[in-house]
Amino acid sequence: AKGGDLPPRRECAPAWRAQLMALMPQIDLVLTIGGYAQAWHMGTTRATSLTDTVRNWRAVWDAPASPKVLPLP
């Protein structure tokens, strides 16, 4: 992996991630820490690099999404 962001194990997301998030509709804020979390929670709305996504946090924050997403390095 580049930098300190290790990839999640391949079996984790299909096994429980979407189901767990669906069980918690009360979540109002998601802190996306690192590129893999940003890819999962932001999809195509993220910038081409982690740095650019974090730099543009205001645009991400102002987007009409629920829950709110705050990208962090």
PDB file of N, CA and C in Angstrom:
ATOM      1  N   ALA A   1       0.842  -1.185   0.000  1.00  0.00           N
ATOM      2  CA  ALA A   1       0.000   0.000   0.000  1.00  0.00           C
ATOM      3  C   ALA A   1       0.882   1.242   0.000  1.00  0.00           C
ATOM      4  N   LYS A   2       0.420   2.292  -0.647  1.00  0.00           N
ATOM      5  CA  LYS A   2       1.142   3.563  -0.647  1.00  0.00           C
ATOM      6  C   LYS A   2       0.857   4.282   0.663  1.00  0.00           C
ATOM      7  N   GLY A   3       1.860   4.902   1.222  1.00  0.00           N
ATOM      8  CA  GLY A   3       1.666   5.631   2.465  1.00  0.00           C
ATOM      9  C   GLY A   3       1.334   4.695   3.611  1.00  0.00           C
ATOM     10  N   GLY A   4       0.578   5.177   4.568  1.00  0.00           N
ATOM     11  CA  GLY A   4       0.235   4.377   5.729  1.00  0.00           C
ATOM     12  C   GLY A   4      -1.161   3.802   5.686  1.00  0.00           C
ATOM     13  N   ASP A   5      -1.836   3.955   4.583  1.00  0.00           N
ATOM     14  CA  ASP A   5      -3.223   3.513   4.461  1.00  0.00           C
ATOM     15  C   ASP A   5      -3.256   2.082   3.940  1.00  0.00           C
ATOM     16  N   LEU A   6      -3.420   1.119   4.841  1.00  0.00           N
ATOM     17  CA  LEU A   6      -3.469  -0.278   4.427  1.00  0.00           C
ATOM     18  C   LEU A   6      -4.854  -0.611   3.880  1.00  0.00           C
ATOM     19  N   PRO A   7      -4.921  -1.449   2.861  1.00  0.00           N
ATOM     20  CA  PRO A   7      -6.228  -1.800   2.306  1.00  0.00           C
ATOM     21  C   PRO A   7      -7.007  -2.675   3.278  1.00  0.00           C
ATOM     22  N   PRO A   8      -8.321  -2.540   3.291  1.00  0.00           N
ATOM     23  CA  PRO A   8      -9.126  -3.426   4.137  1.00  0.00           C
ATOM     24  C   PRO A   8      -9.092  -4.845   3.577  1.00  0.00           C
ATOM     25  N   ARG A   9      -9.356  -5.802   4.415  1.00  0.00           N
ATOM     26  CA  ARG A   9      -9.406  -7.188   3.946  1.00  0.00           C
ATOM     27  C   ARG A   9     -10.563  -7.338   2.972  1.00  0.00           C
ATOM     28  N   ARG A  10     -10.343  -8.081   1.906  1.00  0.00           N
ATOM     29  CA  ARG A  10     -11.326  -8.201   0.822  1.00  0.00           C
ATOM     30  C   ARG A  10     -12.669  -8.757   1.278  1.00  0.00           C
ATOM     31  N   GLU A  11     -12.671  -9.634   2.260  1.00  0.00           N
ATOM     32  CA  GLU A  11     -13.924 -10.264   2.676  1.00  0.00           C
ATOM     33  C   GLU A  11     -14.754  -9.397   3.618  1.00  0.00           C
ATOM     34  N   CYS A  12     -14.186  -8.333   4.156  1.00  0.00           N
ATOM     35  CA  CYS A  12     -14.892  -7.541   5.170  1.00  0.00           C
ATOM     36  C   CYS A  12     -16.092  -6.775   4.623  1.00  0.00           C
ATOM     37  N   ALA A  13     -15.886  -5.951   3.625  1.00  0.00           N
ATOM     38  CA  ALA A  13     -16.990  -5.123   3.120  1.00  0.00           C
ATOM     39  C   ALA A  13     -18.174  -5.954   2.641  1.00  0.00           C
ATOM     40  N   PRO A  14     -17.977  -6.981   1.819  1.00  0.00           N
ATOM     41  CA  PRO A  14     -19.136  -7.765   1.386  1.00  0.00           C
ATOM     42  C   PRO A  14     -19.829  -8.492   2.539  1.00  0.00           C
ATOM     43  N   ALA A  15     -19.076  -8.847   3.567  1.00  0.00           N
ATOM     44  CA  ALA A  15     -19.641  -9.632   4.662  1.00  0.00           C
ATOM     45  C   ALA A  15     -20.499  -8.807   5.616  1.00  0.00           C
ATOM     46  N   TRP A  16     -20.131  -7.550   5.872  1.00  0.00           N
ATOM     47  CA  TRP A  16     -20.868  -6.841   6.915  1.00  0.00           C
ATOM     48  C   TRP A  16     -21.004  -5.336   6.762  1.00  0.00           C
ATOM     49  N   ARG A  17     -20.215  -4.695   5.946  1.00  0.00           N
ATOM     50  CA  ARG A  17     -20.176  -3.231   5.959  1.00  0.00           C
ATOM     51  C   ARG A  17     -21.510  -2.581   5.586  1.00  0.00           C
ATOM     52  N   ALA A  18     -22.074  -2.920   4.450  1.00  0.00           N
ATOM     53  CA  ALA A  18     -23.333  -2.299   4.020  1.00  0.00           C
ATOM     54  C   ALA A  18     -24.470  -2.628   4.987  1.00  0.00           C
ATOM     55  N   GLN A  19     -24.507  -3.874   5.467  1.00  0.00           N
ATOM     56  CA  GLN A  19     -25.559  -4.271   6.402  1.00  0.00           C
ATOM     57  C   GLN A  19     -25.449  -3.504   7.718  1.00  0.00           C
ATOM     58  N   LEU A  20     -24.238  -3.315   8.196  1.00  0.00           N
ATOM     59  CA  LEU A  20     -24.034  -2.578   9.441  1.00  0.00           C
ATOM     60  C   LEU A  20     -24.438  -1.117   9.291  1.00  0.00           C
ATOM     61  N   MET A  21     -24.035  -0.496   8.198  1.00  0.00           N
ATOM     62  CA  MET A  21     -24.412   0.901   7.971  1.00  0.00           C
ATOM     63  C   MET A  21     -25.932   1.045   7.853  1.00  0.00           C
ATOM     64  N   ALA A  22     -26.600   0.077   7.247  1.00  0.00           N
ATOM     65  CA  ALA A  22     -28.056   0.123   7.101  1.00  0.00           C
ATOM     66  C   ALA A  22     -28.759   0.024   8.453  1.00  0.00           C
ATOM     67  N   LEU A  23     -28.133  -0.613   9.422  1.00  0.00           N
ATOM     68  CA  LEU A  23     -28.715  -0.751  10.757  1.00  0.00           C
ATOM     69  C   LEU A  23     -28.558   0.508  11.608  1.00  0.00           C
ATOM     70  N   MET A  24     -27.810   1.490  11.100  1.00  0.00           N
ATOM     71  CA  MET A  24     -27.555   2.707  11.874  1.00  0.00           C
ATOM     72  C   MET A  24     -27.988   3.956  11.102  1.00  0.00           C
ATOM     73  N   PRO A  25     -29.277   4.101  10.801  1.00  0.00           N
ATOM     74  CA  PRO A  25     -29.722   5.262  10.026  1.00  0.00           C
ATOM     75  C   PRO A  25     -29.592   6.581  10.789  1.00  0.00           C
ATOM     76  N   GLN A  26     -29.380   6.514  12.095  1.00  0.00           N
ATOM     77  CA  GLN A  26     -29.271   7.727  12.906  1.00  0.00           C
ATOM     78  C   GLN A  26     -27.916   8.406  12.766  1.00  0.00           C
ATOM     79  N   ILE A  27     -26.972   7.795  12.078  1.00  0.00           N
ATOM     80  CA  ILE A  27     -25.647   8.403  11.914  1.00  0.00           C
ATOM     81  C   ILE A  27     -25.775   9.673  11.082  1.00  0.00           C
ATOM     82  N   ASP A  28     -25.295  10.782  11.635  1.00  0.00           N
ATOM     83  CA  ASP A  28     -25.365  12.078  10.956  1.00  0.00           C
ATOM     84  C   ASP A  28     -24.033  12.508  10.356  1.00  0.00           C
ATOM     85  N   LEU A  29     -22.936  11.895  10.808  1.00  0.00           N
ATOM     86  CA  LEU A  29     -21.607  12.302  10.367  1.00  0.00           C
ATOM     87  C   LEU A  29     -20.724  11.077  10.190  1.00  0.00           C
ATOM     88  N   VAL A  30     -20.039  11.024   9.056  1.00  0.00           N
ATOM     89  CA  VAL A  30     -19.061   9.964   8.797  1.00  0.00           C
ATOM     90  C   VAL A  30     -17.713  10.632   8.562  1.00  0.00           C
ATOM     91  N   LEU A  31     -16.730  10.292   9.390  1.00  0.00           N
ATOM     92  CA  LEU A  31     -15.368  10.773   9.205  1.00  0.00           C
ATOM     93  C   LEU A  31     -14.649   9.750   8.337  1.00  0.00           C
ATOM     94  N   THR A  32     -14.302  10.141   7.127  1.00  0.00           N
ATOM     95  CA  THR A  32     -13.608   9.222   6.227  1.00  0.00           C
ATOM     96  C   THR A  32     -12.111   9.449   6.373  1.00  0.00           C
ATOM     97  N   ILE A  33     -11.464   8.531   7.068  1.00  0.00           N
ATOM     98  CA  ILE A  33     -10.039   8.655   7.360  1.00  0.00           C
ATOM     99  C   ILE A  33      -9.269   7.764   6.395  1.00  0.00           C
ATOM    100  N   GLY A  34      -8.614   8.394   5.425  1.00  0.00           N
ATOM    101  CA  GLY A  34      -7.826   7.664   4.451  1.00  0.00           C
ATOM    102  C   GLY A  34      -8.553   7.427   3.140  1.00  0.00           C
ATOM    103  N   GLY A  35      -7.784   7.042   2.154  1.00  0.00           N
ATOM    104  CA  GLY A  35      -8.292   6.875   0.799  1.00  0.00           C
ATOM    105  C   GLY A  35      -9.309   5.766   0.638  1.00  0.00           C
ATOM    106  N   TYR A  36      -9.121   4.651   1.337  1.00  0.00           N
ATOM    107  CA  TYR A  36     -10.059   3.542   1.187  1.00  0.00           C
ATOM    108  C   TYR A  36     -11.430   3.899   1.757  1.00  0.00           C
ATOM    109  N   ALA A  37     -11.455   4.574   2.896  1.00  0.00           N
ATOM    110  CA  ALA A  37     -12.730   5.006   3.474  1.00  0.00           C
ATOM    111  C   ALA A  37     -13.406   6.036   2.575  1.00  0.00           C
ATOM    112  N   GLN A  38     -12.620   6.940   2.006  1.00  0.00           N
ATOM    113  CA  GLN A  38     -13.191   7.930   1.093  1.00  0.00           C
ATOM    114  C   GLN A  38     -13.765   7.257  -0.141  1.00  0.00           C
ATOM    115  N   ALA A  39     -13.077   6.271  -0.669  1.00  0.00           N
ATOM    116  CA  ALA A  39     -13.575   5.561  -1.852  1.00  0.00           C
ATOM    117  C   ALA A  39     -14.905   4.885  -1.554  1.00  0.00           C
ATOM    118  N   TRP A  40     -15.027   4.288  -0.391  1.00  0.00           N
ATOM    119  CA  TRP A  40     -16.260   3.571  -0.040  1.00  0.00           C
ATOM    120  C   TRP A  40     -17.423   4.537   0.184  1.00  0.00           C
ATOM    121  N   HIS A  41     -17.209   5.557   0.991  1.00  0.00           N
ATOM    122  CA  HIS A  41     -18.303   6.441   1.397  1.00  0.00           C
ATOM    123  C   HIS A  41     -18.586   7.561   0.411  1.00  0.00           C
ATOM    124  N   MET A  42     -17.605   7.953  -0.401  1.00  0.00           N
ATOM    125  CA  MET A  42     -17.785   9.093  -1.291  1.00  0.00           C
ATOM    126  C   MET A  42     -17.909   8.695  -2.754  1.00  0.00           C
ATOM    127  N   GLY A  43     -17.417   7.519  -3.097  1.00  0.00           N
ATOM    128  CA  GLY A  43     -17.523   7.054  -4.475  1.00  0.00           C
ATOM    129  C   GLY A  43     -16.918   8.028  -5.470  1.00  0.00           C
ATOM    130  N   THR A  44     -17.668   8.358  -6.499  1.00  0.00           N
ATOM    131  CA  THR A  44     -17.158   9.224  -7.565  1.00  0.00           C
ATOM    132  C   THR A  44     -17.152  10.703  -7.195  1.00  0.00           C
ATOM    133  N   THR A  45     -17.679  11.063  -6.035  1.00  0.00           N
ATOM    134  CA  THR A  45     -17.676  12.470  -5.636  1.00  0.00           C
ATOM    135  C   THR A  45     -16.333  12.911  -5.062  1.00  0.00           C
ATOM    136  N   ARG A  46     -15.442  11.971  -4.811  1.00  0.00           N
ATOM    137  CA  ARG A  46     -14.132  12.352  -4.273  1.00  0.00           C
ATOM    138  C   ARG A  46     -13.224  12.816  -5.403  1.00  0.00           C
ATOM    139  N   ALA A  47     -12.184  13.536  -5.039  1.00  0.00           N
ATOM    140  CA  ALA A  47     -11.210  14.022  -6.024  1.00  0.00           C
ATOM    141  C   ALA A  47     -10.283  12.879  -6.432  1.00  0.00           C
ATOM    142  N   THR A  48      -9.382  13.163  -7.352  1.00  0.00           N
ATOM    143  CA  THR A  48      -8.486  12.120  -7.844  1.00  0.00           C
ATOM    144  C   THR A  48      -7.408  11.727  -6.846  1.00  0.00           C
ATOM    145  N   SER A  49      -7.174  12.561  -5.844  1.00  0.00           N
ATOM    146  CA  SER A  49      -6.188  12.208  -4.814  1.00  0.00           C
ATOM    147  C   SER A  49      -6.770  12.485  -3.434  1.00  0.00           C
ATOM    148  N   LEU A  50      -6.229  11.803  -2.448  1.00  0.00           N
ATOM    149  CA  LEU A  50      -6.654  12.011  -1.070  1.00  0.00           C
ATOM    150  C   LEU A  50      -6.423  13.461  -0.663  1.00  0.00           C
ATOM    151  N   THR A  51      -5.274  14.011  -1.026  1.00  0.00           N
ATOM    152  CA  THR A  51      -4.948  15.397  -0.684  1.00  0.00           C
ATOM    153  C   THR A  51      -5.971  16.363  -1.262  1.00  0.00           C
ATOM    154  N   ASP A  52      -6.335  16.186  -2.520  1.00  0.00           N
ATOM    155  CA  ASP A  52      -7.314  17.081  -3.146  1.00  0.00           C
ATOM    156  C   ASP A  52      -8.695  16.923  -2.522  1.00  0.00           C
ATOM    157  N   THR A  53      -9.059  15.706  -2.160  1.00  0.00           N
ATOM    158  CA  THR A  53     -10.358  15.490  -1.517  1.00  0.00           C
ATOM    159  C   THR A  53     -10.412  16.209  -0.181  1.00  0.00           C
ATOM    160  N   VAL A  54      -9.348  16.067   0.617  1.00  0.00           N
ATOM    161  CA  VAL A  54      -9.303  16.743   1.918  1.00  0.00           C
ATOM    162  C   VAL A  54      -9.266  18.252   1.730  1.00  0.00           C
ATOM    163  N   ARG A  55      -8.521  18.722   0.746  1.00  0.00           N
ATOM    164  CA  ARG A  55      -8.432  20.159   0.469  1.00  0.00           C
ATOM    165  C   ARG A  55      -9.812  20.729   0.117  1.00  0.00           C
ATOM    166  N   ASN A  56     -10.638  19.950  -0.539  1.00  0.00           N
ATOM    167  CA  ASN A  56     -11.971  20.399  -0.966  1.00  0.00           C
ATOM    168  C   ASN A  56     -13.064  19.991   0.019  1.00  0.00           C
ATOM    169  N   TRP A  57     -12.728  19.888   1.289  1.00  0.00           N
ATOM    170  CA  TRP A  57     -13.682  19.397   2.271  1.00  0.00           C
ATOM    171  C   TRP A  57     -14.949  20.252   2.352  1.00  0.00           C
ATOM    172  N   ARG A  58     -14.832  21.545   2.109  1.00  0.00           N
ATOM    173  CA  ARG A  58     -16.019  22.411   2.197  1.00  0.00           C
ATOM    174  C   ARG A  58     -17.053  22.042   1.137  1.00  0.00           C
ATOM    175  N   ALA A  59     -16.601  21.744  -0.061  1.00  0.00           N
ATOM    176  CA  ALA A  59     -17.525  21.337  -1.125  1.00  0.00           C
ATOM    177  C   ALA A  59     -18.183  20.008  -0.773  1.00  0.00           C
ATOM    178  N   VAL A  60     -17.414  19.103  -0.186  1.00  0.00           N
ATOM    179  CA  VAL A  60     -17.964  17.813   0.241  1.00  0.00           C
ATOM    180  C   VAL A  60     -18.988  18.042   1.348  1.00  0.00           C
ATOM    181  N   TRP A  61     -18.638  18.880   2.306  1.00  0.00           N
ATOM    182  CA  TRP A  61     -19.515  19.153   3.446  1.00  0.00           C
ATOM    183  C   TRP A  61     -20.823  19.807   3.004  1.00  0.00           C
ATOM    184  N   ASP A  62     -20.738  20.714   2.029  1.00  0.00           N
ATOM    185  CA  ASP A  62     -21.922  21.439   1.576  1.00  0.00           C
ATOM    186  C   ASP A  62     -22.816  20.623   0.644  1.00  0.00           C
ATOM    187  N   ALA A  63     -22.355  19.475   0.198  1.00  0.00           N
ATOM    188  CA  ALA A  63     -23.158  18.636  -0.700  1.00  0.00           C
ATOM    189  C   ALA A  63     -24.399  18.138   0.034  1.00  0.00           C
ATOM    190  N   PRO A  64     -25.524  18.056  -0.678  1.00  0.00           N
ATOM    191  CA  PRO A  64     -26.766  17.600  -0.045  1.00  0.00           C
ATOM    192  C   PRO A  64     -26.758  16.082   0.144  1.00  0.00           C
ATOM    193  N   ALA A  65     -26.060  15.626   1.159  1.00  0.00           N
ATOM    194  CA  ALA A  65     -25.965  14.188   1.411  1.00  0.00           C
ATOM    195  C   ALA A  65     -26.300  13.893   2.865  1.00  0.00           C
ATOM    196  N   SER A  66     -26.765  12.701   3.104  1.00  0.00           N
ATOM    197  CA  SER A  66     -27.018  12.256   4.463  1.00  0.00           C
ATOM    198  C   SER A  66     -26.523  10.822   4.578  1.00  0.00           C
ATOM    199  N   PRO A  67     -25.651  10.547   5.489  1.00  0.00           N
ATOM    200  CA  PRO A  67     -25.061  11.437   6.472  1.00  0.00           C
ATOM    201  C   PRO A  67     -24.026  12.376   5.852  1.00  0.00           C
ATOM    202  N   LYS A  68     -23.686  13.415   6.595  1.00  0.00           N
ATOM    203  CA  LYS A  68     -22.622  14.322   6.168  1.00  0.00           C
ATOM    204  C   LYS A  68     -21.306  13.558   6.185  1.00  0.00           C
ATOM    205  N   VAL A  69     -20.436  13.869   5.242  1.00  0.00           N
ATOM    206  CA  VAL A  69     -19.135  13.210   5.148  1.00  0.00           C
ATOM    207  C   VAL A  69     -18.047  14.261   5.301  1.00  0.00           C
ATOM    208  N   LEU A  70     -17.081  13.963   6.160  1.00  0.00           N
ATOM    209  CA  LEU A  70     -15.942  14.852   6.351  1.00  0.00           C
ATOM    210  C   LEU A  70     -14.672  14.072   6.024  1.00  0.00           C
ATOM    211  N   PRO A  71     -14.024  14.380   4.889  1.00  0.00           N
ATOM    212  CA  PRO A  71     -12.814  13.650   4.513  1.00  0.00           C
ATOM    213  C   PRO A  71     -11.598  14.116   5.308  1.00  0.00           C
ATOM    214  N   LEU A  72     -10.851  13.153   5.821  1.00  0.00           N
ATOM    215  CA  LEU A  72      -9.633  13.416   6.581  1.00  0.00           C
ATOM    216  C   LEU A  72      -8.491  12.606   5.969  1.00  0.00           C
ATOM    217  N   PRO A  73      -7.246  13.064   6.139  1.00  0.00           N
ATOM    218  CA  PRO A  73      -6.116  12.309   5.552  1.00  0.00           C
ATOM    219  C   PRO A  73      -5.854  11.000   6.288  1.00  0.00           C
TER     220      PRO A  73
END
